[in-house]
Each structure stands twice: as structure tokens, then as C-alpha cells.
Amino acid sequence: MKIICLCGSTRYTEIMAVVAWEIEKLGDIALGWHLLPRWYVTQGDHIAEQEGVAEILDQVHLEKIRMADEVLIINCEGHIGEQTKREIEFAKSLGKPVKYLEPKA
């Protein structure tokens, strides 16, 4: 059983939820952020910033990368944002294999 940390833009949260489901159906563990229901998120995107917890959640996500056996980048449409680039570099600095959902351009 592998632990796989999913990283990528929050614009692909629904895709990440599906990828996590597919990973766990194969018997591995998927770590990533949480897909919050629409009734919970009343003010649009970027709830972590709105609630003032973005820095805490960024640190938690780095710990998930540290715990993982590998990292899977959710790079839909070739998109890799600045935060995801930092997470890739962090994973590589720890010697973690980094894979991509879509072929890297």
C-alpha cells in the first residue's frame, strides 16, 4: 500500500476528488485537500484565505508531502501554479517521486 499526495490548483478540486477515489479503489492511500460541499462554502473560492488559515493549511499540506511515498500532480490542461511548483520542489528535495496526471508539457 502506497501513500500518494495529490497536489495542484484548487480549480481542479473535483478532479482531485475523483483521482483520490480511483487511487483508493486500488488499495492505496490518497492525501490532498478536502472537497467542501457548496452549502459549507458560502463566499466563493479560496475559503482558506477568507478564514485566515491559508498558511496553516499550506504547512499541513507540506507535511502530507513529507508523509507520502510519492506525489501526483493534478496538472489539468497543463496548468501548474506557483504554489504547486513550490510543492514539487519540496517533494524533490525530500527525494519523493513526482508523477503527473497529464503528460508534462
Protein backbone atom coordinates (compact mmCIF):
# COMPACT_ATOMS: atom_id res chain seq x y z
CA MET A 1 0.00 0.00 0.00
CA LYS A 2 1.41 3.38 -1.07
CA ILE A 3 0.61 6.83 0.26
CA ILE A 4 0.16 9.27 -2.62
CA CYS A 5 -0.11 13.01 -2.02
CA LEU A 6 -2.11 14.90 -4.63
CA CYS A 7 -1.04 18.45 -5.46
CA GLY A 8 -2.44 21.01 -7.86
CA SER A 9 -4.65 24.02 -8.29
CA THR A 10 -7.84 24.26 -6.24
CA ARG A 11 -9.65 24.91 -9.52
CA TYR A 12 -9.33 21.15 -10.07
CA THR A 13 -10.65 20.07 -6.66
CA GLU A 14 -13.44 17.98 -8.15
CA ILE A 15 -10.97 16.18 -10.44
CA MET A 16 -8.70 15.62 -7.45
CA ALA A 17 -11.61 14.04 -5.55
CA VAL A 18 -12.19 11.61 -8.44
CA VAL A 19 -8.45 10.80 -8.69
CA ALA A 20 -8.33 10.15 -4.93
CA TRP A 21 -11.31 7.80 -5.27
CA GLU A 22 -9.61 5.92 -8.13
CA ILE A 23 -6.34 5.62 -6.15
CA GLU A 24 -8.10 4.30 -3.07
CA LYS A 25 -10.14 1.78 -5.10
CA LEU A 26 -6.76 0.24 -6.00
CA GLY A 27 -5.87 -0.08 -2.31
CA ASP A 28 -3.52 2.88 -1.94
CA ILE A 29 -3.98 5.96 0.28
CA ALA A 30 -4.60 9.38 -1.27
CA LEU A 31 -3.77 12.59 0.59
CA GLY A 32 -4.83 16.00 -0.64
CA TRP A 33 -7.14 18.81 0.30
CA HIS A 34 -10.82 18.35 1.03
CA LEU A 35 -13.71 18.80 -1.34
CA LEU A 36 -16.08 21.01 0.63
CA PRO A 37 -19.80 20.93 -0.16
CA ARG A 38 -21.36 24.03 -1.70
CA TRP A 39 -23.53 24.61 1.40
CA TYR A 40 -20.37 25.00 3.52
CA VAL A 41 -18.60 27.40 1.16
CA THR A 42 -20.86 30.42 1.02
CA GLN A 43 -18.37 33.04 -0.18
CA GLY A 44 -16.91 31.53 -3.35
CA ASP A 45 -13.36 30.25 -3.81
CA HIS A 46 -10.31 30.43 -1.60
CA ILE A 47 -12.03 29.69 1.69
CA ALA A 48 -8.68 29.21 3.44
CA GLU A 49 -7.75 32.82 2.74
CA GLN A 50 -11.21 34.01 3.77
CA GLU A 51 -10.96 32.16 7.09
CA GLY A 52 -7.34 33.25 7.65
CA VAL A 53 -5.98 29.71 7.71
CA ALA A 54 -4.13 29.50 4.38
CA GLU A 55 -0.68 29.46 5.99
CA ILE A 56 -1.69 26.68 8.40
CA LEU A 57 -3.15 24.59 5.60
CA ASP A 58 -0.06 25.14 3.43
CA GLN A 59 2.08 23.74 6.26
CA VAL A 60 -0.29 20.80 6.73
CA HIS A 61 -0.05 20.07 3.01
CA LEU A 62 3.76 20.07 3.16
CA GLU A 63 3.51 17.52 5.98
CA LYS A 64 1.30 15.38 3.77
CA ILE A 65 4.02 15.51 1.11
CA ARG A 66 6.58 14.52 3.75
CA MET A 67 4.40 11.53 4.77
CA ALA A 68 3.79 10.37 1.20
CA ASP A 69 5.64 7.73 -0.76
CA GLU A 70 5.06 9.71 -3.94
CA VAL A 71 3.40 12.88 -5.21
CA LEU A 72 0.89 13.09 -8.04
CA ILE A 73 0.45 16.48 -9.69
CA ILE A 74 -3.06 17.26 -10.92
CA ASN A 75 -1.89 19.30 -13.91
CA CYS A 76 -5.10 19.54 -15.91
CA GLU A 77 -4.75 21.43 -19.18
CA GLY A 78 -1.01 21.68 -18.41
CA HIS A 79 -1.66 24.07 -15.52
CA ILE A 80 0.92 24.12 -12.72
CA GLY A 81 0.66 27.20 -10.48
CA GLU A 82 3.34 28.80 -8.35
CA GLN A 83 2.27 27.05 -5.12
CA THR A 84 2.26 23.68 -6.88
CA LYS A 85 5.74 24.41 -8.29
CA ARG A 86 6.95 25.01 -4.72
CA GLU A 87 5.35 21.74 -3.62
CA ILE A 88 7.08 19.89 -6.48
CA GLU A 89 10.45 21.34 -5.45
CA PHE A 90 9.77 20.43 -1.81
CA ALA A 91 8.88 16.85 -2.78
CA LYS A 92 12.01 16.55 -4.93
CA SER A 93 14.16 17.92 -2.10
CA LEU A 94 12.87 15.03 0.01
CA GLY A 95 13.62 12.52 -2.73
CA LYS A 96 9.93 11.80 -3.38
CA PRO A 97 8.96 10.56 -6.84
CA VAL A 98 6.81 13.17 -8.61
CA LYS A 99 4.32 11.99 -11.22
CA TYR A 100 1.83 13.93 -13.34
CA LEU A 101 -1.81 13.22 -14.16
CA GLU A 102 -1.32 14.52 -17.71
CA PRO A 103 1.92 14.33 -19.68
CA LYS A 104 4.14 17.25 -18.69
CA ALA A 105 4.46 19.81 -21.49
